[in-house]
N, C-alpha and C. Protein backbone atom coordinates (compact mmCIF):
# COMPACT_ATOMS: atom_id res chain seq x y z
N MET A 1 21.43 -3.55 -4.88
CA MET A 1 22.32 -1.96 -4.77
C MET A 1 21.32 -0.76 -4.85
N PRO A 2 21.10 -0.32 -3.92
CA PRO A 2 19.69 1.12 -4.07
C PRO A 2 20.51 2.04 -5.52
N LEU A 3 19.22 2.02 -6.04
CA LEU A 3 19.26 3.06 -7.08
C LEU A 3 20.20 3.78 -7.33
N PRO A 4 20.34 4.96 -8.07
CA PRO A 4 20.78 6.29 -7.99
C PRO A 4 20.12 7.11 -8.25
N LYS A 5 20.34 8.52 -7.04
CA LYS A 5 19.51 9.31 -7.09
C LYS A 5 18.48 10.04 -8.08
N GLU A 6 19.11 10.28 -9.46
CA GLU A 6 18.88 10.21 -10.62
C GLU A 6 18.01 9.28 -11.09
N GLU A 7 17.87 7.94 -11.14
CA GLU A 7 17.20 7.66 -11.40
C GLU A 7 15.64 7.37 -10.58
N LEU A 8 16.02 7.24 -9.56
CA LEU A 8 14.82 7.70 -8.81
C LEU A 8 13.95 8.57 -9.02
N GLU A 9 14.64 9.54 -9.06
CA GLU A 9 14.11 10.59 -9.70
C GLU A 9 13.16 10.53 -10.99
N ARG A 10 13.89 9.94 -11.46
CA ARG A 10 13.30 9.63 -13.23
C ARG A 10 12.05 8.58 -12.98
N ILE A 11 12.05 8.17 -12.13
CA ILE A 11 11.03 6.96 -12.02
C ILE A 11 10.08 7.52 -11.07
N ALA A 12 10.16 8.11 -10.38
CA ALA A 12 9.07 8.67 -9.48
C ALA A 12 8.38 10.23 -10.59
N GLY A 13 9.64 10.59 -11.09
CA GLY A 13 8.74 11.66 -11.90
C GLY A 13 8.21 11.14 -12.69
N GLY A 14 8.26 10.43 -13.84
CA GLY A 14 7.64 9.68 -14.68
C GLY A 14 6.24 9.40 -14.25
N THR A 15 6.31 8.26 -13.55
CA THR A 15 5.24 7.64 -12.78
C THR A 15 4.01 8.42 -12.51
N LEU A 16 4.35 9.57 -11.58
CA LEU A 16 3.83 10.58 -11.02
C LEU A 16 2.70 11.48 -11.78
N ALA A 17 3.90 11.76 -12.93
CA ALA A 17 3.14 12.51 -14.13
C ALA A 17 2.09 11.91 -15.25
N HIS A 18 2.44 10.72 -14.66
CA HIS A 18 1.26 9.65 -15.21
C HIS A 18 0.20 9.55 -14.93
N TYR A 19 0.11 9.47 -13.57
CA TYR A 19 -1.18 9.59 -12.57
C TYR A 19 -1.79 10.93 -12.70
N GLU A 20 -0.95 11.96 -12.53
CA GLU A 20 -1.56 13.52 -12.40
C GLU A 20 -2.03 14.03 -13.75
N GLY A 21 -1.34 13.31 -14.87
CA GLY A 21 -2.61 13.22 -16.50
C GLY A 21 -3.51 12.83 -16.60
N ARG A 22 -4.42 11.60 -15.53
CA ARG A 22 -5.15 10.87 -15.75
C ARG A 22 -5.94 11.03 -14.24
N ALA A 23 -5.77 11.86 -13.39
CA ALA A 23 -6.35 12.05 -12.25
C ALA A 23 -7.94 11.81 -11.43
N GLU A 24 -8.35 12.76 -13.03
CA GLU A 24 -9.97 12.87 -12.73
C GLU A 24 -10.53 11.05 -13.07
N ASP A 25 -10.02 10.56 -14.22
CA ASP A 25 -10.07 9.37 -15.13
C ASP A 25 -9.81 8.46 -14.09
N PHE A 26 -8.88 8.17 -13.41
CA PHE A 26 -8.35 7.29 -12.83
C PHE A 26 -9.25 7.15 -11.68
N ARG A 27 -9.87 8.92 -10.91
CA ARG A 27 -10.95 8.70 -9.54
C ARG A 27 -11.92 7.84 -10.27
N GLU A 28 -12.78 8.30 -11.66
CA GLU A 28 -13.98 7.59 -11.76
C GLU A 28 -13.75 6.60 -11.99
N GLY A 29 -12.63 5.81 -12.51
CA GLY A 29 -12.67 4.48 -13.00
C GLY A 29 -12.29 3.36 -11.71
N THR A 30 -12.21 3.70 -10.70
CA THR A 30 -11.77 2.96 -9.47
C THR A 30 -12.70 3.61 -8.57
N ARG A 31 -13.34 4.22 -8.58
CA ARG A 31 -14.66 4.95 -7.59
C ARG A 31 -15.32 3.47 -6.66
N ASP A 32 -16.12 2.60 -8.05
CA ASP A 32 -16.66 1.92 -7.69
C ASP A 32 -16.02 0.40 -7.43
N HIS A 33 -14.75 0.15 -7.26
CA HIS A 33 -14.11 -0.65 -6.99
C HIS A 33 -14.19 -1.33 -5.51
N ASP A 34 -14.52 -2.48 -5.36
CA ASP A 34 -14.60 -3.48 -4.19
C ASP A 34 -13.82 -3.79 -3.55
N VAL A 35 -12.81 -3.66 -2.61
CA VAL A 35 -11.82 -4.09 -1.84
C VAL A 35 -12.01 -4.22 -0.81
N SER A 36 -13.45 -4.94 -0.20
CA SER A 36 -13.71 -4.89 1.04
C SER A 36 -13.26 -5.88 1.84
N GLN A 37 -12.43 -7.33 0.72
CA GLN A 37 -12.17 -8.45 1.20
C GLN A 37 -10.80 -8.32 1.85
N ASN A 38 -9.95 -7.03 1.22
CA ASN A 38 -8.73 -6.60 1.61
C ASN A 38 -8.47 -5.77 3.10
N ILE A 39 -9.73 -4.89 2.43
CA ILE A 39 -9.47 -3.96 4.23
C ILE A 39 -9.90 -5.11 5.30
N ASN A 40 -11.35 -5.45 4.57
CA ASN A 40 -11.51 -7.10 6.01
C ASN A 40 -10.24 -7.70 6.50
N ALA A 41 -9.42 -8.17 5.50
CA ALA A 41 -8.22 -8.59 5.57
C ALA A 41 -7.07 -8.05 6.60
N LEU A 42 -7.06 -6.26 6.32
CA LEU A 42 -5.79 -6.25 7.10
C LEU A 42 -6.99 -5.99 8.78
N LEU A 43 -7.98 -5.57 9.24
CA LEU A 43 -8.50 -5.48 10.05
C LEU A 43 -8.77 -6.74 10.70
N ASP A 44 -9.13 -7.62 10.48
CA ASP A 44 -9.00 -9.14 10.92
C ASP A 44 -7.80 -9.46 11.49
N ALA A 45 -6.65 -9.17 10.87
CA ALA A 45 -5.31 -9.53 11.73
C ALA A 45 -5.28 -8.60 12.48
N ILE A 46 -5.55 -7.32 12.67
CA ILE A 46 -5.49 -6.54 13.71
C ILE A 46 -6.19 -6.60 14.54
N ALA A 47 -7.15 -7.55 14.12
CA ALA A 47 -8.15 -8.20 15.51
C ALA A 47 -7.20 -9.14 16.32
N GLN A 48 -6.42 -9.98 15.44
CA GLN A 48 -6.02 -11.01 16.32
C GLN A 48 -4.26 -10.72 17.18
N SER A 49 -4.35 -9.52 16.90
CA SER A 49 -3.13 -9.02 17.52
C SER A 49 -3.14 -8.82 19.28
N SER A 50 -2.30 -9.79 20.07
CA SER A 50 -2.48 -9.40 21.44
C SER A 50 -2.61 -8.18 22.39
N SER A 51 -1.74 -7.34 21.45
CA SER A 51 -1.55 -5.89 22.44
C SER A 51 -2.02 -5.36 21.44
N LEU A 52 -3.45 -5.20 20.29
CA LEU A 52 -3.89 -4.85 19.61
C LEU A 52 -5.54 -4.56 20.08
N SER A 53 -6.26 -3.61 19.81
CA SER A 53 -7.62 -3.99 19.70
C SER A 53 -8.07 -3.02 18.88
N LEU A 54 -9.34 -4.24 17.85
CA LEU A 54 -10.29 -4.02 17.00
C LEU A 54 -11.30 -2.38 17.58
N SER A 55 -11.35 -2.51 18.82
CA SER A 55 -11.88 -1.03 19.06
C SER A 55 -11.57 0.24 18.84
N ALA A 56 -12.09 1.19 17.76
CA ALA A 56 -12.23 2.07 17.56
C ALA A 56 -12.06 3.47 17.97
N PRO A 57 -11.19 4.37 17.69
CA PRO A 57 -10.44 4.63 16.76
C PRO A 57 -8.99 3.77 16.93
N LEU A 58 -8.83 2.82 15.65
CA LEU A 58 -7.09 2.39 15.35
C LEU A 58 -6.81 3.30 14.50
N THR A 59 -5.17 3.62 14.13
CA THR A 59 -5.00 4.48 13.09
C THR A 59 -4.32 3.66 11.85
N ILE A 60 -4.79 4.13 10.85
CA ILE A 60 -4.27 3.04 9.85
C ILE A 60 -3.76 3.87 8.92
N LEU A 61 -2.94 3.74 7.84
CA LEU A 61 -1.71 4.51 7.02
C LEU A 61 -2.38 3.94 5.74
N ASP A 62 -3.52 4.96 4.75
CA ASP A 62 -3.46 4.18 3.46
C ASP A 62 -2.32 4.61 2.50
N PHE A 63 -1.36 3.67 2.35
CA PHE A 63 0.02 3.81 1.68
C PHE A 63 -1.07 3.98 0.60
N GLY A 64 -0.46 5.30 -0.77
CA GLY A 64 -0.78 5.32 -1.72
C GLY A 64 -2.07 5.61 -1.79
N CYS A 65 -2.93 6.46 -1.19
CA CYS A 65 -4.41 6.30 -0.87
C CYS A 65 -5.13 6.84 -2.44
N GLY A 66 -4.36 7.51 -3.20
CA GLY A 66 -5.20 7.93 -4.06
C GLY A 66 -6.31 9.04 -4.28
N PRO A 67 -7.42 8.59 -4.76
CA PRO A 67 -8.19 9.76 -4.44
C PRO A 67 -9.13 9.93 -2.90
N GLY A 68 -8.14 8.92 -2.28
CA GLY A 68 -9.06 8.70 -0.86
C GLY A 68 -10.55 8.10 -0.99
N ARG A 69 -10.38 7.06 -1.63
CA ARG A 69 -12.10 5.78 -1.38
C ARG A 69 -11.87 5.36 -0.66
N ASP A 70 -10.89 4.54 -0.30
CA ASP A 70 -10.44 3.36 1.06
C ASP A 70 -10.49 4.29 2.25
N LEU A 71 -10.05 5.62 2.08
CA LEU A 71 -9.74 6.34 3.49
C LEU A 71 -11.39 6.48 4.20
N LYS A 72 -12.37 6.69 3.28
CA LYS A 72 -13.54 6.83 3.77
C LYS A 72 -14.13 6.07 4.07
N THR A 73 -13.98 4.59 3.84
CA THR A 73 -14.30 3.42 4.29
C THR A 73 -13.55 3.47 5.35
N PHE A 74 -12.50 3.19 5.85
CA PHE A 74 -12.26 3.09 7.44
C PHE A 74 -12.70 4.03 8.21
N SER A 75 -13.18 5.96 7.65
CA SER A 75 -13.01 6.37 8.70
C SER A 75 -14.91 6.18 8.49
N LYS A 76 -15.60 5.67 8.22
CA LYS A 76 -16.87 5.26 8.18
C LYS A 76 -16.95 4.04 9.19
N LEU A 77 -15.74 3.43 9.80
CA LEU A 77 -16.12 2.02 10.43
C LEU A 77 -15.68 2.97 11.60
N GLY A 78 -14.89 4.22 11.66
CA GLY A 78 -14.90 4.66 13.00
C GLY A 78 -13.28 5.13 13.28
N HIS A 79 -12.57 4.41 12.15
CA HIS A 79 -11.43 5.04 12.25
C HIS A 79 -10.41 6.05 11.94
N ARG A 80 -9.19 6.48 12.70
CA ARG A 80 -8.27 7.26 12.09
C ARG A 80 -7.41 6.94 10.48
N ALA A 81 -7.67 7.51 9.73
CA ALA A 81 -7.49 6.71 8.57
C ALA A 81 -6.51 7.55 7.99
N ILE A 82 -4.88 7.95 8.02
CA ILE A 82 -4.44 8.75 7.15
C ILE A 82 -3.89 8.31 5.91
N GLY A 83 -4.01 9.38 4.88
CA GLY A 83 -3.79 9.19 3.46
C GLY A 83 -2.42 9.36 3.15
N LEU A 84 -1.35 8.58 2.48
CA LEU A 84 -0.42 9.52 1.90
C LEU A 84 0.10 9.22 -0.05
N ASP A 85 0.12 9.92 -0.80
CA ASP A 85 0.23 9.82 -1.88
C ASP A 85 1.22 11.17 -2.54
N GLY A 86 1.86 10.09 -3.61
CA GLY A 86 2.95 11.31 -4.42
C GLY A 86 2.58 12.15 -5.35
N THR A 87 0.94 12.03 -5.93
CA THR A 87 0.16 12.74 -6.57
C THR A 87 -0.45 13.81 -6.37
N ALA A 88 0.14 15.11 -6.61
CA ALA A 88 -0.44 16.44 -5.81
C ALA A 88 -2.02 16.49 -5.93
N SER A 89 -2.18 15.73 -7.47
CA SER A 89 -4.29 16.15 -7.12
C SER A 89 -4.78 14.96 -6.76
N PHE A 90 -4.12 13.60 -6.13
CA PHE A 90 -5.03 12.62 -5.56
C PHE A 90 -4.69 13.08 -3.97
N VAL A 91 -3.92 13.72 -3.65
CA VAL A 91 -3.76 14.32 -2.03
C VAL A 91 -4.57 15.41 -1.95
N GLU A 92 -5.30 16.35 -2.97
CA GLU A 92 -6.31 17.32 -3.14
C GLU A 92 -7.49 16.34 -2.84
N MET A 93 -7.61 15.88 -3.94
CA MET A 93 -9.15 14.97 -3.95
C MET A 93 -8.87 14.10 -2.66
N ALA A 94 -8.64 13.43 -2.16
CA ALA A 94 -9.08 12.61 -1.11
C ALA A 94 -9.07 13.93 0.17
N ARG A 95 -8.17 14.67 0.29
CA ARG A 95 -8.78 15.94 1.27
C ARG A 95 -10.17 16.14 1.17
N ALA A 96 -10.75 16.61 0.05
CA ALA A 96 -11.76 17.13 0.15
C ALA A 96 -12.66 16.23 0.29
N ASP A 97 -12.73 14.64 -0.32
CA ASP A 97 -13.80 14.17 -0.59
C ASP A 97 -13.82 12.78 0.51
N SER A 98 -12.62 12.33 1.86
CA SER A 98 -12.90 12.33 3.12
C SER A 98 -12.73 13.19 4.31
N GLY A 99 -12.05 14.10 4.28
CA GLY A 99 -12.03 14.69 5.69
C GLY A 99 -10.70 14.30 6.21
N CYS A 100 -10.02 13.37 5.61
CA CYS A 100 -9.12 12.99 6.31
C CYS A 100 -7.65 13.88 6.24
N GLU A 101 -6.99 13.70 7.11
CA GLU A 101 -5.66 13.99 6.96
C GLU A 101 -4.40 13.14 5.90
N VAL A 102 -4.16 13.88 4.90
CA VAL A 102 -3.79 13.49 3.74
C VAL A 102 -2.03 14.12 3.60
N TRP A 103 -0.97 12.99 3.39
CA TRP A 103 0.28 14.13 3.36
C TRP A 103 0.51 13.51 2.26
N HIS A 104 1.46 14.14 1.40
CA HIS A 104 2.14 14.43 0.22
C HIS A 104 3.58 13.82 0.38
N GLN A 105 3.75 12.81 0.02
CA GLN A 105 4.90 12.36 0.08
C GLN A 105 4.85 11.58 -1.22
N ASN A 106 6.33 11.12 -1.73
CA ASN A 106 6.54 10.17 -2.74
C ASN A 106 7.10 8.87 -2.02
N PHE A 107 7.04 7.55 -2.46
CA PHE A 107 7.52 6.42 -1.85
C PHE A 107 8.52 6.45 -1.50
N PHE A 108 9.72 7.31 -2.18
CA PHE A 108 11.20 7.02 -1.66
C PHE A 108 11.42 8.32 -1.26
N GLU A 109 10.99 9.06 -0.84
CA GLU A 109 11.19 10.40 0.34
C GLU A 109 10.26 10.43 1.22
N LEU A 110 10.20 9.47 2.23
CA LEU A 110 9.09 9.13 3.01
C LEU A 110 9.80 9.92 4.38
N ASP A 111 8.81 10.05 5.26
CA ASP A 111 8.96 10.97 6.83
C ASP A 111 7.92 10.58 7.63
N LEU A 112 7.92 9.40 7.98
CA LEU A 112 6.98 8.81 8.92
C LEU A 112 7.40 8.64 10.34
N PRO A 113 6.58 8.41 11.02
CA PRO A 113 6.58 8.25 12.08
C PRO A 113 6.96 7.36 13.10
N ALA A 114 7.52 7.00 13.75
CA ALA A 114 8.50 5.78 14.34
C ALA A 114 6.72 5.02 15.43
N ALA A 115 6.91 3.80 15.23
CA ALA A 115 5.37 2.74 16.21
C ALA A 115 4.18 3.65 16.34
N PHE A 116 3.72 4.44 14.94
CA PHE A 116 2.54 4.90 15.26
C PHE A 116 1.00 4.58 14.69
N PHE A 117 1.56 3.28 13.80
CA PHE A 117 0.75 3.11 13.05
C PHE A 117 0.00 1.43 13.71
N ASP A 118 -1.52 1.61 13.81
CA ASP A 118 -1.74 -0.21 14.36
C ASP A 118 -2.10 -0.83 12.73
N GLY A 119 -2.13 -0.24 11.40
CA GLY A 119 -1.81 -0.81 10.54
C GLY A 119 -1.71 -0.34 9.13
N VAL A 120 -1.32 -1.07 8.29
CA VAL A 120 -0.80 -0.18 7.14
C VAL A 120 -1.74 -0.75 6.07
N PHE A 121 -2.51 0.00 4.84
CA PHE A 121 -3.02 -0.52 3.68
C PHE A 121 -2.16 -0.06 2.79
N ALA A 122 -1.67 -1.15 1.98
CA ALA A 122 -1.27 -0.87 0.79
C ALA A 122 -1.72 -1.62 -0.34
N ASN A 123 -2.81 -0.77 -0.82
CA ASN A 123 -3.93 -1.67 -2.03
C ASN A 123 -3.23 -1.00 -3.00
N ALA A 124 -2.52 -1.65 -3.91
CA ALA A 124 -1.81 -1.56 -5.35
C ALA A 124 -1.08 -0.11 -5.35
N SER A 125 -0.29 -0.30 -4.52
CA SER A 125 0.90 0.64 -4.36
C SER A 125 2.33 0.74 -4.82
N LEU A 126 2.58 -0.95 -3.59
CA LEU A 126 3.99 -1.09 -3.48
C LEU A 126 4.90 -1.74 -4.74
N PHE A 127 3.87 -1.89 -6.02
CA PHE A 127 4.49 -2.93 -7.00
C PHE A 127 5.42 -1.77 -7.64
N HIS A 128 5.22 -0.16 -7.29
CA HIS A 128 6.11 0.97 -7.73
C HIS A 128 7.12 1.32 -7.32
N VAL A 129 7.36 0.35 -6.07
CA VAL A 129 9.07 0.49 -6.11
C VAL A 129 9.59 -0.53 -6.75
N PRO A 130 10.79 0.19 -7.14
CA PRO A 130 12.22 -0.90 -7.89
C PRO A 130 12.45 -2.14 -6.69
N ALA A 131 12.54 -3.45 -7.41
CA ALA A 131 13.25 -4.68 -6.36
C ALA A 131 14.55 -3.32 -5.09
N ALA A 132 14.95 -3.18 -6.29
CA ALA A 132 16.69 -2.37 -5.42
C ALA A 132 15.90 -1.45 -3.93
N GLU A 133 14.82 -0.48 -4.28
CA GLU A 133 14.05 0.27 -3.32
C GLU A 133 13.89 -0.60 -2.42
N LEU A 134 13.00 -1.78 -2.64
CA LEU A 134 12.07 -1.98 -1.56
C LEU A 134 12.65 -2.46 -0.19
N PRO A 135 13.80 -3.19 -0.41
CA PRO A 135 14.12 -3.18 1.18
C PRO A 135 14.14 -2.06 2.01
N ARG A 136 14.43 -0.58 1.81
CA ARG A 136 14.59 0.36 2.41
C ARG A 136 13.31 0.81 2.56
N VAL A 137 12.05 1.04 1.40
CA VAL A 137 10.88 1.09 1.65
C VAL A 137 9.83 0.43 2.65
N LEU A 138 10.35 -0.97 2.73
CA LEU A 138 9.27 -1.72 3.99
C LEU A 138 10.16 -1.72 5.09
N GLY A 139 11.76 -0.82 5.07
CA GLY A 139 11.93 -1.21 6.29
C GLY A 139 11.28 0.37 7.21
N GLN A 140 11.02 1.11 5.75
CA GLN A 140 10.42 2.16 6.75
C GLN A 140 9.22 2.20 7.41
N LEU A 141 7.99 1.43 6.85
CA LEU A 141 6.92 1.03 6.65
C LEU A 141 6.87 -0.10 8.41
N HIS A 142 7.62 -0.70 8.00
CA HIS A 142 7.80 -1.38 9.77
C HIS A 142 8.16 -0.49 10.55
N ALA A 143 9.18 0.33 10.61
CA ALA A 143 9.10 1.13 11.63
C ALA A 143 8.35 2.22 11.84
N ALA A 144 7.69 1.99 11.43
CA ALA A 144 6.06 3.03 11.23
C ALA A 144 5.18 2.33 12.06
N LEU A 145 4.70 1.31 12.03
CA LEU A 145 4.49 0.38 12.96
C LEU A 145 4.28 0.06 14.18
N LYS A 146 3.07 0.40 14.92
CA LYS A 146 3.39 -0.42 16.61
C LYS A 146 4.06 -1.81 16.38
N PRO A 147 4.62 -2.21 17.89
CA PRO A 147 4.54 -3.75 18.11
C PRO A 147 3.34 -4.26 17.41
N GLU A 148 3.61 -5.55 16.79
CA GLU A 148 1.90 -6.29 16.74
C GLU A 148 1.28 -5.85 15.41
N GLY A 149 2.06 -4.83 14.66
CA GLY A 149 0.90 -3.78 14.04
C GLY A 149 1.43 -4.61 12.58
N VAL A 150 0.42 -4.53 11.67
CA VAL A 150 -0.16 -5.31 10.17
C VAL A 150 -0.12 -4.86 8.98
N LEU A 151 0.85 -4.72 7.80
CA LEU A 151 0.87 -4.31 6.80
C LEU A 151 0.47 -5.22 5.96
N PHE A 152 -0.92 -4.65 5.20
CA PHE A 152 -1.76 -5.44 4.15
C PHE A 152 -0.87 -4.97 2.72
N CYS A 153 -0.73 -5.81 1.87
CA CYS A 153 -0.37 -5.36 0.30
C CYS A 153 -1.18 -6.19 -0.57
N SER A 154 -1.54 -5.29 -1.73
CA SER A 154 -2.36 -6.00 -2.83
C SER A 154 -1.43 -5.48 -4.18
N ASN A 155 -1.08 -6.32 -4.99
CA ASN A 155 0.31 -6.24 -5.62
C ASN A 155 -0.05 -7.07 -7.45
N PRO A 156 -0.12 -6.24 -8.34
CA PRO A 156 0.03 -7.39 -9.42
C PRO A 156 0.63 -8.36 -9.58
N ARG A 157 0.45 -9.56 -9.53
CA ARG A 157 1.76 -10.76 -9.65
C ARG A 157 2.49 -10.92 -10.80
N GLY A 158 3.53 -11.42 -10.76
CA GLY A 158 4.35 -11.61 -12.13
C GLY A 158 5.55 -12.74 -11.79
N SER A 159 6.26 -12.45 -12.95
CA SER A 159 7.83 -13.73 -12.97
C SER A 159 9.00 -12.74 -12.20
N ASN A 160 8.45 -11.76 -11.53
CA ASN A 160 10.01 -11.03 -11.00
C ASN A 160 10.51 -10.26 -12.46
N SER A 161 9.74 -9.60 -12.66
CA SER A 161 10.43 -8.47 -13.80
C SER A 161 9.74 -7.62 -13.36
N GLU A 162 10.53 -5.70 -14.23
CA GLU A 162 10.02 -4.71 -13.76
C GLU A 162 10.34 -3.55 -14.38
N GLY A 163 9.96 -2.91 -14.76
CA GLY A 163 9.65 -1.97 -16.03
C GLY A 163 8.95 -0.63 -16.53
N TRP A 164 9.06 -0.27 -17.28
CA TRP A 164 7.86 0.73 -17.71
C TRP A 164 6.85 0.11 -18.12
N SER A 165 5.51 0.56 -18.01
CA SER A 165 4.90 0.04 -19.12
C SER A 165 3.44 0.55 -18.98
N GLY A 166 3.52 1.49 -19.99
CA GLY A 166 1.94 2.93 -20.03
C GLY A 166 2.31 3.86 -19.24
N GLY A 167 3.71 4.20 -19.04
CA GLY A 167 3.96 5.08 -18.40
C GLY A 167 4.75 5.20 -17.41
N ARG A 168 3.75 4.09 -16.58
CA ARG A 168 4.05 3.78 -14.88
C ARG A 168 5.39 2.84 -15.04
N TYR A 169 5.99 2.95 -13.91
CA TYR A 169 7.32 2.24 -13.47
C TYR A 169 6.50 0.95 -12.59
N GLY A 170 6.74 -0.19 -12.88
CA GLY A 170 5.63 -1.58 -12.20
C GLY A 170 7.19 -2.21 -11.58
N SER A 171 6.89 -3.10 -10.33
CA SER A 171 7.79 -4.56 -10.30
C SER A 171 6.45 -5.60 -9.90
N TYR A 172 6.71 -6.56 -10.53
CA TYR A 172 5.90 -7.63 -10.62
C TYR A 172 6.57 -9.04 -10.19
N HIS A 173 6.13 -9.53 -9.23
CA HIS A 173 6.94 -10.28 -8.23
C HIS A 173 5.81 -11.54 -7.60
N ASP A 174 6.58 -12.89 -7.92
CA ASP A 174 5.63 -14.26 -7.52
C ASP A 174 6.05 -14.35 -5.92
N LEU A 175 4.79 -15.14 -5.27
CA LEU A 175 4.99 -14.92 -4.16
C LEU A 175 6.38 -15.27 -3.37
N ASP A 176 6.88 -15.97 -3.68
CA ASP A 176 8.27 -16.83 -3.39
C ASP A 176 9.16 -15.07 -3.29
N ALA A 177 9.29 -14.63 -4.32
CA ALA A 177 10.15 -13.60 -4.37
C ALA A 177 9.22 -12.17 -2.75
N TRP A 178 8.59 -12.16 -2.80
CA TRP A 178 7.69 -11.03 -2.36
C TRP A 178 7.98 -11.59 -0.45
N ARG A 179 7.56 -12.98 -0.77
CA ARG A 179 7.60 -13.40 0.88
C ARG A 179 9.88 -13.04 1.16
N GLY A 180 10.22 -13.40 0.51
CA GLY A 180 11.77 -12.82 0.62
C GLY A 180 12.12 -11.03 1.54
N PHE A 181 11.65 -10.34 0.41
CA PHE A 181 11.53 -8.96 0.71
C PHE A 181 10.88 -9.02 1.99
N MET A 182 9.91 -9.76 1.98
CA MET A 182 8.78 -9.26 3.10
C MET A 182 9.88 -9.75 4.72
N THR A 183 10.05 -11.20 4.67
CA THR A 183 10.70 -11.13 5.93
C THR A 183 11.97 -10.92 6.07
N ALA A 184 12.63 -10.72 4.70
CA ALA A 184 13.96 -9.55 5.12
C ALA A 184 13.97 -8.32 6.01
N ALA A 185 12.96 -7.93 5.54
CA ALA A 185 12.28 -6.66 6.39
C ALA A 185 11.87 -6.54 7.47
N GLY A 186 11.99 -8.21 8.09
CA GLY A 186 10.92 -8.45 9.14
C GLY A 186 9.87 -8.76 9.81
N PHE A 187 9.13 -8.61 8.51
CA PHE A 187 7.86 -8.92 8.93
C PHE A 187 7.78 -10.74 9.02
N VAL A 188 6.21 -10.85 9.61
CA VAL A 188 6.21 -12.37 9.89
C VAL A 188 4.84 -12.93 8.67
N GLU A 189 4.76 -13.51 7.80
CA GLU A 189 3.62 -13.85 7.07
C GLU A 189 2.17 -14.46 8.28
N ILE A 190 1.19 -13.70 7.61
CA ILE A 190 -0.02 -14.25 8.54
C ILE A 190 -0.75 -14.98 7.34
N ARG A 191 -1.03 -14.56 6.07
CA ARG A 191 -1.94 -15.43 5.14
C ARG A 191 -1.45 -14.42 4.38
N HIS A 192 -1.74 -15.11 2.57
CA HIS A 192 -2.13 -14.56 1.36
C HIS A 192 -2.88 -15.27 0.71
N TYR A 193 -3.65 -14.10 -0.62
CA TYR A 193 -4.28 -14.90 -1.39
C TYR A 193 -4.32 -14.14 -2.66
N TYR A 194 -5.25 -14.61 -3.74
CA TYR A 194 -5.36 -14.32 -5.05
C TYR A 194 -6.25 -13.78 -5.56
N ARG A 195 -6.64 -12.60 -6.06
CA ARG A 195 -7.70 -11.64 -6.31
C ARG A 195 -7.58 -11.26 -8.08
N PRO A 196 -9.05 -11.23 -8.68
CA PRO A 196 -10.05 -11.39 -8.29
C PRO A 196 -11.12 -12.96 -7.21
N ASP A 197 -11.77 -12.99 -6.26
CA ASP A 197 -12.01 -13.89 -5.75
C ASP A 197 -12.92 -14.76 -6.26
N GLY A 198 -12.57 -16.20 -6.31
CA GLY A 198 -13.69 -16.98 -7.42
C GLY A 198 -13.20 -16.91 -8.95
N LEU A 199 -12.45 -16.47 -9.13
CA LEU A 199 -12.03 -16.78 -10.56
C LEU A 199 -10.60 -18.04 -10.40
N LEU A 200 -10.60 -18.74 -11.45
CA LEU A 200 -9.14 -19.66 -12.16
C LEU A 200 -8.52 -18.72 -11.60
N ARG A 201 -7.21 -19.62 -10.55
CA ARG A 201 -6.04 -18.84 -10.47
C ARG A 201 -5.62 -17.92 -11.92
N SER A 202 -5.16 -18.61 -12.83
CA SER A 202 -4.69 -17.71 -14.14
C SER A 202 -5.32 -16.84 -14.53
N GLU A 203 -6.94 -16.42 -13.76
CA GLU A 203 -7.23 -14.98 -13.92
C GLU A 203 -7.35 -14.63 -12.89
N GLN A 204 -6.51 -14.86 -11.85
CA GLN A 204 -6.56 -14.15 -10.86
C GLN A 204 -4.92 -13.04 -10.74
N ALA A 205 -5.18 -12.14 -11.11
CA ALA A 205 -4.01 -11.21 -11.29
C ALA A 205 -3.07 -10.60 -10.71
N TRP A 206 -3.79 -10.54 -8.86
CA TRP A 206 -3.47 -9.83 -8.02
C TRP A 206 -2.90 -10.72 -7.24
N LEU A 207 -2.13 -10.60 -6.01
CA LEU A 207 -1.44 -11.38 -5.02
C LEU A 207 -1.48 -10.31 -3.91
N ALA A 208 -2.57 -10.20 -3.07
CA ALA A 208 -2.74 -10.11 -1.29
C ALA A 208 -1.89 -10.87 0.11
N THR A 209 -1.16 -9.72 0.17
CA THR A 209 -0.40 -10.58 1.66
C THR A 209 -0.54 -9.47 2.38
N VAL A 210 -0.48 -10.35 3.82
CA VAL A 210 -1.02 -9.77 5.32
C VAL A 210 0.14 -10.25 5.99
N TRP A 211 0.87 -9.00 6.87
CA TRP A 211 2.09 -9.31 7.45
C TRP A 211 1.85 -8.83 9.28
N ARG A 212 3.02 -9.11 9.69
CA ARG A 212 2.79 -8.47 11.21
C ARG A 212 3.84 -8.07 11.18
N LYS A 213 3.99 -7.54 11.98
CA LYS A 213 5.30 -6.65 12.66
C LYS A 213 5.23 -7.16 14.11
N PRO A 214 6.67 -8.46 14.55
CA PRO A 214 6.50 -8.71 15.51
C PRO A 214 6.89 -8.31 16.79
N SER A 215 5.57 -8.32 17.77
CA SER A 215 6.19 -7.51 18.78
C SER A 215 7.71 -6.98 19.84
């Protein structure tokens, strides 16, 4: 069952306040993170679509773009990158640093155009959505993708628990549970892998998955 509006507001408000109070530290702490494996996973999957082309510019939604690091990467590759984040300071930073269009929306109050994006890049963002709200949010991302569009997501993996941690709300799913949410939303799995690359599985805290919206 979807959560009551008051509970969603509490979750969104607390999590966004956490990031708002640490916006500059977060930008400096994540500025040099290498997520090229994830960006390539999205673009490679789009290239395999029969109705889409990797020829620039693709239209990419950076869902939970933060201060805009990955927007700059997509733009340098020649694509039209649009950011979305609920933290006001991140939106300002991302606009200034990337020069991209950035939408100020929280994940529980999305207003997305239909069949607009070739790809959605949800890197370390969807885990902030409670399990009860995932079907709705994933359904909105599905609707925002073009036919054969691709959704990439990377989330900290866990044993299907959720709750508050360090001022943020998070949901931590294993692969089977995440597959259940994604397939129920209408996506078809392309691939999955664990990060950071090259470590023992017990040391790979992140689950990356790549999905296609059927034509």
